[in-house]
Protein backbone atom coordinates (compact mmCIF):
# COMPACT_ATOMS: atom_id res chain seq x y z
CA MET A 1 92.98 112.39 99.23
CA TYR A 2 89.76 114.27 98.36
CA LEU A 3 87.64 111.36 99.53
CA SER A 4 89.79 110.68 102.55
CA LEU A 5 89.68 114.26 103.76
CA GLY A 6 85.91 114.38 103.53
CA ILE A 7 85.76 111.34 105.73
CA VAL A 8 88.31 112.80 108.15
CA ILE A 9 86.35 115.98 108.48
CA LEU A 10 83.09 114.09 108.99
CA LEU A 11 84.66 111.94 111.71
CA ASN A 12 86.15 114.92 113.48
CA TYR A 13 83.07 117.07 113.07
CA THR A 14 81.04 114.53 115.00
CA GLN A 15 83.65 114.65 117.77
CA GLN A 16 84.05 118.41 117.95
CA LYS A 17 82.57 121.54 116.44
CA VAL A 18 84.62 123.90 114.32
CA TYR A 19 87.62 124.99 116.37
CA GLY A 20 87.70 128.72 115.76
CA SER A 21 84.23 130.15 116.33
CA THR A 22 83.87 133.49 118.11
CA PRO A 23 82.61 134.08 120.68
CA HIS A 24 83.01 130.77 122.42
CA LYS A 25 83.32 129.44 125.91
CA ASN A 26 86.41 127.65 127.04
CA GLN A 27 86.28 124.22 128.68
CA SER A 28 85.49 125.70 132.07
CA GLY A 29 82.45 127.46 130.60
CA VAL A 30 83.98 130.93 130.92
CA SER A 31 83.42 133.20 127.95
CA THR A 32 86.47 134.43 126.05
CA ASN A 33 84.50 137.11 124.23
CA ALA A 34 86.12 140.54 124.64
CA THR A 35 82.86 142.30 125.48
CA ASP A 36 82.04 139.76 128.18
CA LEU A 37 85.47 140.08 129.76
CA THR A 38 85.55 143.88 129.74
CA GLU A 39 81.96 144.34 130.86
CA LEU A 40 81.55 141.51 133.38
CA GLN A 41 84.76 142.10 135.30
CA PRO A 42 84.24 145.35 137.25
CA GLN A 43 87.82 145.40 138.52
CA ILE A 44 89.08 145.41 134.91
CA LYS A 45 86.73 148.07 133.55
CA PRO A 46 88.68 150.08 131.00
CA LYS A 47 88.99 153.75 131.86
CA SER A 48 88.94 154.85 128.24
CA ILE A 49 87.58 153.80 124.89
CA ILE A 50 91.15 153.39 123.68
CA THR A 51 91.91 150.84 126.42
CA LYS A 52 88.71 148.92 125.70
CA LYS A 53 89.50 148.89 121.97
CA ALA A 54 93.03 147.67 122.68
CA LEU A 55 91.70 144.81 124.84
CA ASN A 56 89.27 143.81 122.11
CA GLU A 57 91.89 143.82 119.37
CA LEU A 58 94.94 142.49 121.17
CA TYR A 59 93.61 139.61 123.16
CA LEU A 60 90.29 138.28 122.11
CA LYS A 61 89.31 138.87 118.50
CA PRO A 62 90.55 136.61 115.74
CA ASN A 63 93.21 138.36 113.71
CA GLU A 64 91.19 139.41 110.68
CA LYS A 65 94.22 141.26 109.31
CA ILE A 66 96.07 137.99 108.54
CA HIS A 67 95.76 136.53 105.06
CA LEU A 68 97.60 133.74 103.30
CA VAL A 69 98.94 133.54 99.76
CA ILE A 70 99.91 130.15 98.34
CA ARG A 71 102.18 130.44 95.29
CA LEU A 72 102.07 127.02 93.69
CA SER A 73 105.07 127.82 91.47
CA ASP A 74 107.15 128.72 94.56
CA ARG A 75 105.75 125.84 96.61
CA ARG A 76 105.42 128.20 99.55
CA VAL A 77 102.68 129.81 101.63
CA TYR A 78 103.17 133.46 102.56
CA VAL A 79 101.60 134.88 105.73
CA TYR A 80 100.68 138.56 105.55
CA GLN A 81 99.42 140.86 108.28
CA GLN A 82 97.64 143.65 106.46
CA ASP A 83 100.00 144.02 103.47
CA GLN A 84 103.23 143.22 105.30
CA LEU A 85 104.86 139.83 104.83
CA LYS A 86 105.33 138.24 108.27
CA THR A 87 106.65 134.76 107.43
CA THR A 88 106.68 132.07 104.79
CA TYR A 89 106.66 128.26 104.90
CA PRO A 90 107.61 125.57 102.36
CA ILE A 91 104.72 123.37 101.21
CA ALA A 92 103.90 120.34 99.09
CA ILE A 93 101.08 120.82 96.59
CA GLY A 94 98.72 118.72 94.50
CA ARG A 95 100.24 116.46 91.89
CA GLU A 96 99.22 116.31 88.23
CA GLY A 97 95.56 115.39 87.97
CA TRP A 98 94.99 116.41 91.61
CA GLU A 99 96.06 120.06 91.45
CA THR A 100 95.51 122.37 94.41
CA PRO A 101 92.57 124.61 93.38
CA THR A 102 93.51 128.19 92.55
CA GLY A 103 91.39 131.19 93.51
CA THR A 104 90.37 133.00 96.66
CA HIS A 105 89.11 130.88 99.54
CA LYS A 106 88.56 131.19 103.29
CA VAL A 107 89.54 128.97 106.21
CA ILE A 108 86.43 126.90 106.97
CA GLN A 109 87.79 124.34 109.44
CA LYS A 110 90.47 124.01 112.10
CA ILE A 111 90.89 120.57 113.63
CA PRO A 112 93.64 119.67 116.09
CA ASN A 113 94.84 116.04 116.03
CA PRO A 114 92.63 114.85 113.15
CA SER A 115 91.85 111.22 112.36
CA TRP A 116 92.15 109.93 108.80
CA LYS A 117 90.17 107.25 107.00
CA HIS A 118 91.86 105.53 104.08
CA PRO A 119 89.62 106.11 101.04
CA PHE A 120 90.16 102.63 99.57
CA THR A 121 90.56 100.28 102.54
CA GLY A 122 88.39 102.12 105.07
CA GLU A 123 91.14 101.83 107.67
CA ILE A 124 90.96 104.62 110.25
CA ILE A 125 94.28 106.10 111.34
CA PRO A 126 93.89 107.80 114.73
CA PRO A 127 95.84 110.91 115.71
CA GLY A 128 99.51 110.16 116.23
CA PRO A 129 102.86 109.89 114.49
CA GLU A 130 101.60 107.63 111.67
CA ASN A 131 98.63 109.84 110.75
CA PRO A 132 99.05 111.20 107.17
CA LEU A 133 97.49 114.53 108.25
CA GLY A 134 100.01 115.21 111.01
CA GLU A 135 98.92 117.16 114.08
CA ARG A 136 96.71 119.87 112.55
CA TRP A 137 94.14 120.34 109.79
CA ILE A 138 93.18 123.76 108.37
CA GLY A 139 90.50 123.31 105.70
CA PHE A 140 89.94 126.06 103.11
CA TRP A 141 88.13 124.44 100.14
CA THR A 142 85.28 122.01 99.68
CA ASP A 143 82.97 120.86 96.92
CA GLY A 144 80.49 119.75 99.59
CA THR A 145 81.93 116.23 99.84
CA ASN A 146 85.70 116.50 99.57
CA TYR A 147 87.96 118.92 101.41
CA ILE A 148 91.34 120.52 100.78
CA GLY A 149 93.47 122.20 103.37
CA PHE A 150 96.80 122.58 105.10
CA HIS A 151 98.05 119.67 107.17
CA GLY A 152 101.23 118.21 108.57
CA THR A 153 102.78 114.97 107.37
CA PRO A 154 104.89 112.12 108.75
CA ASN A 155 106.71 112.19 105.37
CA GLU A 156 108.36 115.57 105.69
CA GLU A 157 110.73 114.81 102.79
CA THR A 158 107.74 115.33 100.43
CA VAL A 159 107.45 119.03 101.37
CA GLY A 160 108.53 121.09 98.37
CA GLN A 161 107.13 118.61 95.83
CA ALA A 162 103.89 118.19 93.87
CA VAL A 163 102.76 114.93 95.50
CA SER A 164 99.42 115.39 97.29
CA HIS A 165 95.81 114.85 96.23
CA GLY A 166 95.26 118.63 96.22
CA CYS A 167 96.10 119.37 99.84
CA VAL A 168 98.88 121.60 101.09
CA ARG A 169 101.34 119.53 103.12
CA MET A 170 103.56 121.30 105.59
CA LEU A 171 106.32 120.43 108.01
CA ASN A 172 104.65 119.55 111.31
CA GLN A 173 106.26 122.44 113.23
CA ASP A 174 105.11 124.85 110.50
CA VAL A 175 101.47 123.72 110.46
CA LEU A 176 101.40 124.00 114.27
CA ALA A 177 102.56 127.62 113.97
CA LEU A 178 100.14 128.41 111.12
CA PHE A 179 97.24 126.89 113.07
CA GLU A 180 97.78 129.49 115.79
CA LYS A 181 97.98 132.40 113.33
CA VAL A 182 94.74 131.85 111.38
CA GLY A 183 91.08 131.76 112.31
CA ILE A 184 87.86 130.70 110.67
CA GLY A 185 87.32 133.14 107.81
CA THR A 186 91.01 133.91 107.17
CA THR A 187 91.48 134.54 103.43
CA VAL A 188 93.57 132.01 101.49
CA VAL A 189 94.60 133.05 97.97
CA VAL A 190 95.99 130.27 95.79
CA GLU A 191 98.03 131.53 92.82
CA PRO A 192 99.56 129.47 90.00
């Protein structure tokens, strides 16, 4: 899977830049940066510093207070906001010889509807129900060639097992929810 994910990321990177950069412009070219919105819209000018700070934190900045802890022994990922546990999801982890790397990492990629290239046959699987990566990819580790991250799976019965090539498989509904919670730079701690 290491080789295949590197190819997937390369294919998707040529199609779209990293998903979660800040500030960025939406498809209509309108900035979603908090400063732009509060300063360029005179009718919305905050009347106090507290209001401006609330706008910045609530709506437009990535949630830097979220961090993830993967406990390989539990086969679960825990989502924390500050130090408070918010939710947890079951996961599949790397099998023997392809273990999910432990340590502290950061989210480096977010790709909706990724493509996948088979590492041995070269077959490209487009986004869709047969794609081994499911509907979302959240990369958090690379050696410069290969990538490891969270992704969905069409084989949801494998969640809870040690079956992947290092990646963290999730139920499709769970990876969709996690994709919305994290941003580029979110800390991912992988514990034994």
